[in-house]
Amino acid sequence: MHNLALIDALSEREHQIFKLVIAGNTNKQMSNELCVAVRTIEVHRSKLMEKLGVQNIAELMKLAPLV
């Protein structure tokens, strides 16, 4: 349940990026799809990983079934 609360704490954009990451998109693909700079994606991705307490994509993928 702790992980669900963490996921609920994500902003709408962070949640959107989370879904795109677990779908296998690169930062560049996400930036093109969302019409933002790659750096913006990097910042959102970094913040969501920090909020979820994960260090890498493998750990992030473990939370994928909760989305």
PDB file of N, CA and C in Angstrom:
ATOM      1  N   MET A   1       0.810  -1.198   0.000  1.00  0.00           N
ATOM      2  CA  MET A   1       0.000   0.000   0.000  1.00  0.00           C
ATOM      3  C   MET A   1       0.854   1.262   0.000  1.00  0.00           C
ATOM      4  N   HIS A   2       2.009   1.183   0.600  1.00  0.00           N
ATOM      5  CA  HIS A   2       2.900   2.342   0.661  1.00  0.00           C
ATOM      6  C   HIS A   2       3.235   2.836  -0.736  1.00  0.00           C
ATOM      7  N   ASN A   3       3.485   1.917  -1.661  1.00  0.00           N
ATOM      8  CA  ASN A   3       3.820   2.302  -3.034  1.00  0.00           C
ATOM      9  C   ASN A   3       2.642   2.975  -3.735  1.00  0.00           C
ATOM     10  N   LEU A   4       1.435   2.538  -3.453  1.00  0.00           N
ATOM     11  CA  LEU A   4       0.259   3.175  -4.054  1.00  0.00           C
ATOM     12  C   LEU A   4       0.134   4.624  -3.615  1.00  0.00           C
ATOM     13  N   ALA A   5       0.413   4.881  -2.356  1.00  0.00           N
ATOM     14  CA  ALA A   5       0.354   6.254  -1.853  1.00  0.00           C
ATOM     15  C   ALA A   5       1.411   7.106  -2.531  1.00  0.00           C
ATOM     16  N   LEU A   6       2.584   6.541  -2.769  1.00  0.00           N
ATOM     17  CA  LEU A   6       3.649   7.280  -3.444  1.00  0.00           C
ATOM     18  C   LEU A   6       3.247   7.604  -4.885  1.00  0.00           C
ATOM     19  N   ILE A   7       2.647   6.652  -5.555  1.00  0.00           N
ATOM     20  CA  ILE A   7       2.222   6.867  -6.948  1.00  0.00           C
ATOM     21  C   ILE A   7       1.119   7.922  -6.992  1.00  0.00           C
ATOM     22  N   ASP A   8       0.225   7.890  -6.030  1.00  0.00           N
ATOM     23  CA  ASP A   8      -0.845   8.891  -5.972  1.00  0.00           C
ATOM     24  C   ASP A   8      -0.303  10.299  -5.734  1.00  0.00           C
ATOM     25  N   ALA A   9       0.890  10.379  -5.129  1.00  0.00           N
ATOM     26  CA  ALA A   9       1.491  11.680  -4.831  1.00  0.00           C
ATOM     27  C   ALA A   9       2.151  12.319  -6.061  1.00  0.00           C
ATOM     28  N   LEU A  10       2.278  11.568  -7.148  1.00  0.00           N
ATOM     29  CA  LEU A  10       2.884  12.112  -8.369  1.00  0.00           C
ATOM     30  C   LEU A  10       1.967  13.161  -8.992  1.00  0.00           C
ATOM     31  N   SER A  11       2.581  14.160  -9.603  1.00  0.00           N
ATOM     32  CA  SER A  11       1.790  15.141 -10.342  1.00  0.00           C
ATOM     33  C   SER A  11       1.215  14.466 -11.584  1.00  0.00           C
ATOM     34  N   GLU A  12       0.275  15.122 -12.210  1.00  0.00           N
ATOM     35  CA  GLU A  12      -0.338  14.563 -13.421  1.00  0.00           C
ATOM     36  C   GLU A  12       0.720  14.323 -14.500  1.00  0.00           C
ATOM     37  N   ARG A  13       1.637  15.280 -14.676  1.00  0.00           N
ATOM     38  CA  ARG A  13       2.683  15.144 -15.694  1.00  0.00           C
ATOM     39  C   ARG A  13       3.658  14.021 -15.336  1.00  0.00           C
ATOM     40  N   GLU A  14       4.031  13.912 -14.057  1.00  0.00           N
ATOM     41  CA  GLU A  14       4.924  12.835 -13.629  1.00  0.00           C
ATOM     42  C   GLU A  14       4.273  11.477 -13.862  1.00  0.00           C
ATOM     43  N   HIS A  15       2.990  11.395 -13.594  1.00  0.00           N
ATOM     44  CA  HIS A  15       2.253  10.147 -13.825  1.00  0.00           C
ATOM     45  C   HIS A  15       2.256   9.805 -15.321  1.00  0.00           C
ATOM     46  N   GLN A  16       2.059  10.819 -16.134  1.00  0.00           N
ATOM     47  CA  GLN A  16       2.072  10.645 -17.589  1.00  0.00           C
ATOM     48  C   GLN A  16       3.445  10.143 -18.051  1.00  0.00           C
ATOM     49  N   ILE A  17       4.503  10.729 -17.520  1.00  0.00           N
ATOM     50  CA  ILE A  17       5.864  10.331 -17.885  1.00  0.00           C
ATOM     51  C   ILE A  17       6.134   8.903 -17.399  1.00  0.00           C
ATOM     52  N   PHE A  18       5.669   8.595 -16.202  1.00  0.00           N
ATOM     53  CA  PHE A  18       5.832   7.247 -15.651  1.00  0.00           C
ATOM     54  C   PHE A  18       5.252   6.221 -16.629  1.00  0.00           C
ATOM     55  N   LYS A  19       4.045   6.461 -17.099  1.00  0.00           N
ATOM     56  CA  LYS A  19       3.405   5.540 -18.034  1.00  0.00           C
ATOM     57  C   LYS A  19       4.203   5.415 -19.332  1.00  0.00           C
ATOM     58  N   LEU A  20       4.739   6.526 -19.809  1.00  0.00           N
ATOM     59  CA  LEU A  20       5.523   6.501 -21.048  1.00  0.00           C
ATOM     60  C   LEU A  20       6.848   5.760 -20.853  1.00  0.00           C
ATOM     61  N   VAL A  21       7.471   5.928 -19.688  1.00  0.00           N
ATOM     62  CA  VAL A  21       8.726   5.225 -19.396  1.00  0.00           C
ATOM     63  C   VAL A  21       8.486   3.717 -19.373  1.00  0.00           C
ATOM     64  N   ILE A  22       7.449   3.292 -18.652  1.00  0.00           N
ATOM     65  CA  ILE A  22       7.209   1.848 -18.556  1.00  0.00           C
ATOM     66  C   ILE A  22       6.736   1.259 -19.883  1.00  0.00           C
ATOM     67  N   ALA A  23       6.275   2.123 -20.786  1.00  0.00           N
ATOM     68  CA  ALA A  23       5.905   1.665 -22.132  1.00  0.00           C
ATOM     69  C   ALA A  23       7.140   1.528 -23.025  1.00  0.00           C
ATOM     70  N   GLY A  24       8.306   1.949 -22.500  1.00  0.00           N
ATOM     71  CA  GLY A  24       9.546   1.769 -23.246  1.00  0.00           C
ATOM     72  C   GLY A  24       9.997   2.960 -24.068  1.00  0.00           C
ATOM     73  N   ASN A  25       9.390   4.115 -23.858  1.00  0.00           N
ATOM     74  CA  ASN A  25       9.761   5.308 -24.611  1.00  0.00           C
ATOM     75  C   ASN A  25      11.068   5.910 -24.112  1.00  0.00           C
ATOM     76  N   THR A  26      11.842   6.470 -25.041  1.00  0.00           N
ATOM     77  CA  THR A  26      13.051   7.201 -24.676  1.00  0.00           C
ATOM     78  C   THR A  26      12.660   8.628 -24.299  1.00  0.00           C
ATOM     79  N   ASN A  27      13.612   9.341 -23.689  1.00  0.00           N
ATOM     80  CA  ASN A  27      13.352  10.744 -23.345  1.00  0.00           C
ATOM     81  C   ASN A  27      12.997  11.544 -24.589  1.00  0.00           C
ATOM     82  N   LYS A  28      13.689  11.308 -25.677  1.00  0.00           N
ATOM     83  CA  LYS A  28      13.428  12.044 -26.915  1.00  0.00           C
ATOM     84  C   LYS A  28      12.036  11.732 -27.450  1.00  0.00           C
ATOM     85  N   GLN A  29      11.638  10.466 -27.425  1.00  0.00           N
ATOM     86  CA  GLN A  29      10.290  10.093 -27.881  1.00  0.00           C
ATOM     87  C   GLN A  29       9.223  10.769 -27.018  1.00  0.00           C
ATOM     88  N   MET A  30       9.445  10.779 -25.711  1.00  0.00           N
ATOM     89  CA  MET A  30       8.482  11.409 -24.808  1.00  0.00           C
ATOM     90  C   MET A  30       8.418  12.907 -25.062  1.00  0.00           C
ATOM     91  N   SER A  31       9.569  13.538 -25.299  1.00  0.00           N
ATOM     92  CA  SER A  31       9.571  14.984 -25.533  1.00  0.00           C
ATOM     93  C   SER A  31       8.825  15.322 -26.817  1.00  0.00           C
ATOM     94  N   ASN A  32       8.978  14.498 -27.828  1.00  0.00           N
ATOM     95  CA  ASN A  32       8.254  14.719 -29.086  1.00  0.00           C
ATOM     96  C   ASN A  32       6.752  14.533 -28.892  1.00  0.00           C
ATOM     97  N   GLU A  33       6.378  13.506 -28.169  1.00  0.00           N
ATOM     98  CA  GLU A  33       4.952  13.217 -27.959  1.00  0.00           C
ATOM     99  C   GLU A  33       4.266  14.299 -27.128  1.00  0.00           C
ATOM    100  N   LEU A  34       4.986  14.823 -26.138  1.00  0.00           N
ATOM    101  CA  LEU A  34       4.393  15.797 -25.225  1.00  0.00           C
ATOM    102  C   LEU A  34       4.698  17.241 -25.625  1.00  0.00           C
ATOM    103  N   CYS A  35       5.454  17.401 -26.700  1.00  0.00           N
ATOM    104  CA  CYS A  35       5.807  18.743 -27.217  1.00  0.00           C
ATOM    105  C   CYS A  35       6.528  19.591 -26.174  1.00  0.00           C
ATOM    106  N   VAL A  36       7.512  18.984 -25.515  1.00  0.00           N
ATOM    107  CA  VAL A  36       8.348  19.698 -24.554  1.00  0.00           C
ATOM    108  C   VAL A  36       9.809  19.359 -24.832  1.00  0.00           C
ATOM    109  N   ALA A  37      10.722  20.090 -24.206  1.00  0.00           N
ATOM    110  CA  ALA A  37      12.146  19.839 -24.378  1.00  0.00           C
ATOM    111  C   ALA A  37      12.553  18.538 -23.695  1.00  0.00           C
ATOM    112  N   VAL A  38      13.603  17.916 -24.207  1.00  0.00           N
ATOM    113  CA  VAL A  38      14.134  16.691 -23.602  1.00  0.00           C
ATOM    114  C   VAL A  38      14.519  16.967 -22.147  1.00  0.00           C
ATOM    115  N   ARG A  39      15.078  18.123 -21.882  1.00  0.00           N
ATOM    116  CA  ARG A  39      15.482  18.475 -20.514  1.00  0.00           C
ATOM    117  C   ARG A  39      14.272  18.499 -19.577  1.00  0.00           C
ATOM    118  N   THR A  40      13.137  18.939 -20.056  1.00  0.00           N
ATOM    119  CA  THR A  40      11.914  18.947 -19.251  1.00  0.00           C
ATOM    120  C   THR A  40      11.539  17.516 -18.867  1.00  0.00           C
ATOM    121  N   ILE A  41      11.644  16.605 -19.818  1.00  0.00           N
ATOM    122  CA  ILE A  41      11.371  15.185 -19.541  1.00  0.00           C
ATOM    123  C   ILE A  41      12.348  14.663 -18.504  1.00  0.00           C
ATOM    124  N   GLU A  42      13.627  15.000 -18.653  1.00  0.00           N
ATOM    125  CA  GLU A  42      14.644  14.539 -17.707  1.00  0.00           C
ATOM    126  C   GLU A  42      14.338  15.017 -16.291  1.00  0.00           C
ATOM    127  N   VAL A  43      13.891  16.254 -16.162  1.00  0.00           N
ATOM    128  CA  VAL A  43      13.568  16.805 -14.838  1.00  0.00           C
ATOM    129  C   VAL A  43      12.363  16.091 -14.244  1.00  0.00           C
ATOM    130  N   HIS A  44      11.298  15.926 -15.025  1.00  0.00           N
ATOM    131  CA  HIS A  44      10.103  15.232 -14.526  1.00  0.00           C
ATOM    132  C   HIS A  44      10.436  13.788 -14.154  1.00  0.00           C
ATOM    133  N   ARG A  45      11.216  13.140 -14.981  1.00  0.00           N
ATOM    134  CA  ARG A  45      11.594  11.744 -14.722  1.00  0.00           C
ATOM    135  C   ARG A  45      12.415  11.639 -13.441  1.00  0.00           C
ATOM    136  N   SER A  46      13.340  12.553 -13.259  1.00  0.00           N
ATOM    137  CA  SER A  46      14.157  12.578 -12.052  1.00  0.00           C
ATOM    138  C   SER A  46      13.305  12.794 -10.813  1.00  0.00           C
ATOM    139  N   LYS A  47      12.373  13.730 -10.897  1.00  0.00           N
ATOM    140  CA  LYS A  47      11.490  14.028  -9.753  1.00  0.00           C
ATOM    141  C   LYS A  47      10.593  12.846  -9.417  1.00  0.00           C
ATOM    142  N   LEU A  48      10.051  12.178 -10.442  1.00  0.00           N
ATOM    143  CA  LEU A  48       9.162  11.052 -10.145  1.00  0.00           C
ATOM    144  C   LEU A  48       9.942   9.895  -9.541  1.00  0.00           C
ATOM    145  N   MET A  49      11.173   9.686 -10.001  1.00  0.00           N
ATOM    146  CA  MET A  49      11.990   8.614  -9.430  1.00  0.00           C
ATOM    147  C   MET A  49      12.360   8.934  -7.985  1.00  0.00           C
ATOM    148  N   GLU A  50      12.635  10.204  -7.719  1.00  0.00           N
ATOM    149  CA  GLU A  50      12.940  10.630  -6.356  1.00  0.00           C
ATOM    150  C   GLU A  50      11.723  10.427  -5.452  1.00  0.00           C
ATOM    151  N   LYS A  51      10.549  10.831  -5.916  1.00  0.00           N
ATOM    152  CA  LYS A  51       9.325  10.682  -5.122  1.00  0.00           C
ATOM    153  C   LYS A  51       9.006   9.223  -4.838  1.00  0.00           C
ATOM    154  N   LEU A  52       9.294   8.348  -5.806  1.00  0.00           N
ATOM    155  CA  LEU A  52       8.992   6.925  -5.634  1.00  0.00           C
ATOM    156  C   LEU A  52      10.110   6.178  -4.904  1.00  0.00           C
ATOM    157  N   GLY A  53      11.239   6.851  -4.691  1.00  0.00           N
ATOM    158  CA  GLY A  53      12.342   6.239  -3.959  1.00  0.00           C
ATOM    159  C   GLY A  53      13.063   5.162  -4.745  1.00  0.00           C
ATOM    160  N   VAL A  54      13.127   5.329  -6.061  1.00  0.00           N
ATOM    161  CA  VAL A  54      13.831   4.356  -6.895  1.00  0.00           C
ATOM    162  C   VAL A  54      15.098   4.983  -7.460  1.00  0.00           C
ATOM    163  N   GLN A  55      16.090   4.127  -7.716  1.00  0.00           N
ATOM    164  CA  GLN A  55      17.390   4.602  -8.178  1.00  0.00           C
ATOM    165  C   GLN A  55      17.607   4.405  -9.673  1.00  0.00           C
ATOM    166  N   ASN A  56      16.841   3.492 -10.273  1.00  0.00           N
ATOM    167  CA  ASN A  56      17.059   3.196 -11.688  1.00  0.00           C
ATOM    168  C   ASN A  56      15.759   2.700 -12.330  1.00  0.00           C
ATOM    169  N   ILE A  57      15.824   2.510 -13.627  1.00  0.00           N
ATOM    170  CA  ILE A  57      14.631   2.104 -14.385  1.00  0.00           C
ATOM    171  C   ILE A  57      14.151   0.710 -13.968  1.00  0.00           C
ATOM    172  N   ALA A  58      15.068  -0.173 -13.631  1.00  0.00           N
ATOM    173  CA  ALA A  58      14.673  -1.524 -13.210  1.00  0.00           C
ATOM    174  C   ALA A  58      13.758  -1.450 -11.981  1.00  0.00           C
ATOM    175  N   GLU A  59      14.120  -0.618 -11.019  1.00  0.00           N
ATOM    176  CA  GLU A  59      13.294  -0.459  -9.818  1.00  0.00           C
ATOM    177  C   GLU A  59      11.962   0.208 -10.171  1.00  0.00           C
ATOM    178  N   LEU A  60      12.009   1.143 -11.101  1.00  0.00           N
ATOM    179  CA  LEU A  60      10.793   1.810 -11.535  1.00  0.00           C
ATOM    180  C   LEU A  60       9.837   0.815 -12.192  1.00  0.00           C
ATOM    181  N   MET A  61      10.395  -0.091 -12.989  1.00  0.00           N
ATOM    182  CA  MET A  61       9.578  -1.089 -13.682  1.00  0.00           C
ATOM    183  C   MET A  61       8.862  -2.030 -12.712  1.00  0.00           C
ATOM    184  N   LYS A  62       9.454  -2.251 -11.540  1.00  0.00           N
ATOM    185  CA  LYS A  62       8.819  -3.104 -10.536  1.00  0.00           C
ATOM    186  C   LYS A  62       7.500  -2.500 -10.044  1.00  0.00           C
ATOM    187  N   LEU A  63       7.383  -1.163 -10.161  1.00  0.00           N
ATOM    188  CA  LEU A  63       6.164  -0.484  -9.734  1.00  0.00           C
ATOM    189  C   LEU A  63       5.130  -0.397 -10.853  1.00  0.00           C
ATOM    190  N   ALA A  64       5.485  -0.801 -12.053  1.00  0.00           N
ATOM    191  CA  ALA A  64       4.609  -0.686 -13.215  1.00  0.00           C
ATOM    192  C   ALA A  64       3.231  -1.315 -13.013  1.00  0.00           C
ATOM    193  N   PRO A  65       3.126  -2.485 -12.393  1.00  0.00           N
ATOM    194  CA  PRO A  65       1.785  -3.085 -12.221  1.00  0.00           C
ATOM    195  C   PRO A  65       0.841  -2.242 -11.358  1.00  0.00           C
ATOM    196  N   LEU A  66       1.365  -1.298 -10.618  1.00  0.00           N
ATOM    197  CA  LEU A  66       0.539  -0.477  -9.731  1.00  0.00           C
ATOM    198  C   LEU A  66      -0.107   0.700 -10.447  1.00  0.00           C
ATOM    199  N   VAL A  67       0.337   0.958 -11.674  1.00  0.00           N
ATOM    200  CA  VAL A  67      -0.189   2.128 -12.427  1.00  0.00           C
ATOM    201  C   VAL A  67      -1.450   1.763 -13.137  1.00  0.00           C
TER     202      VAL A  67
END
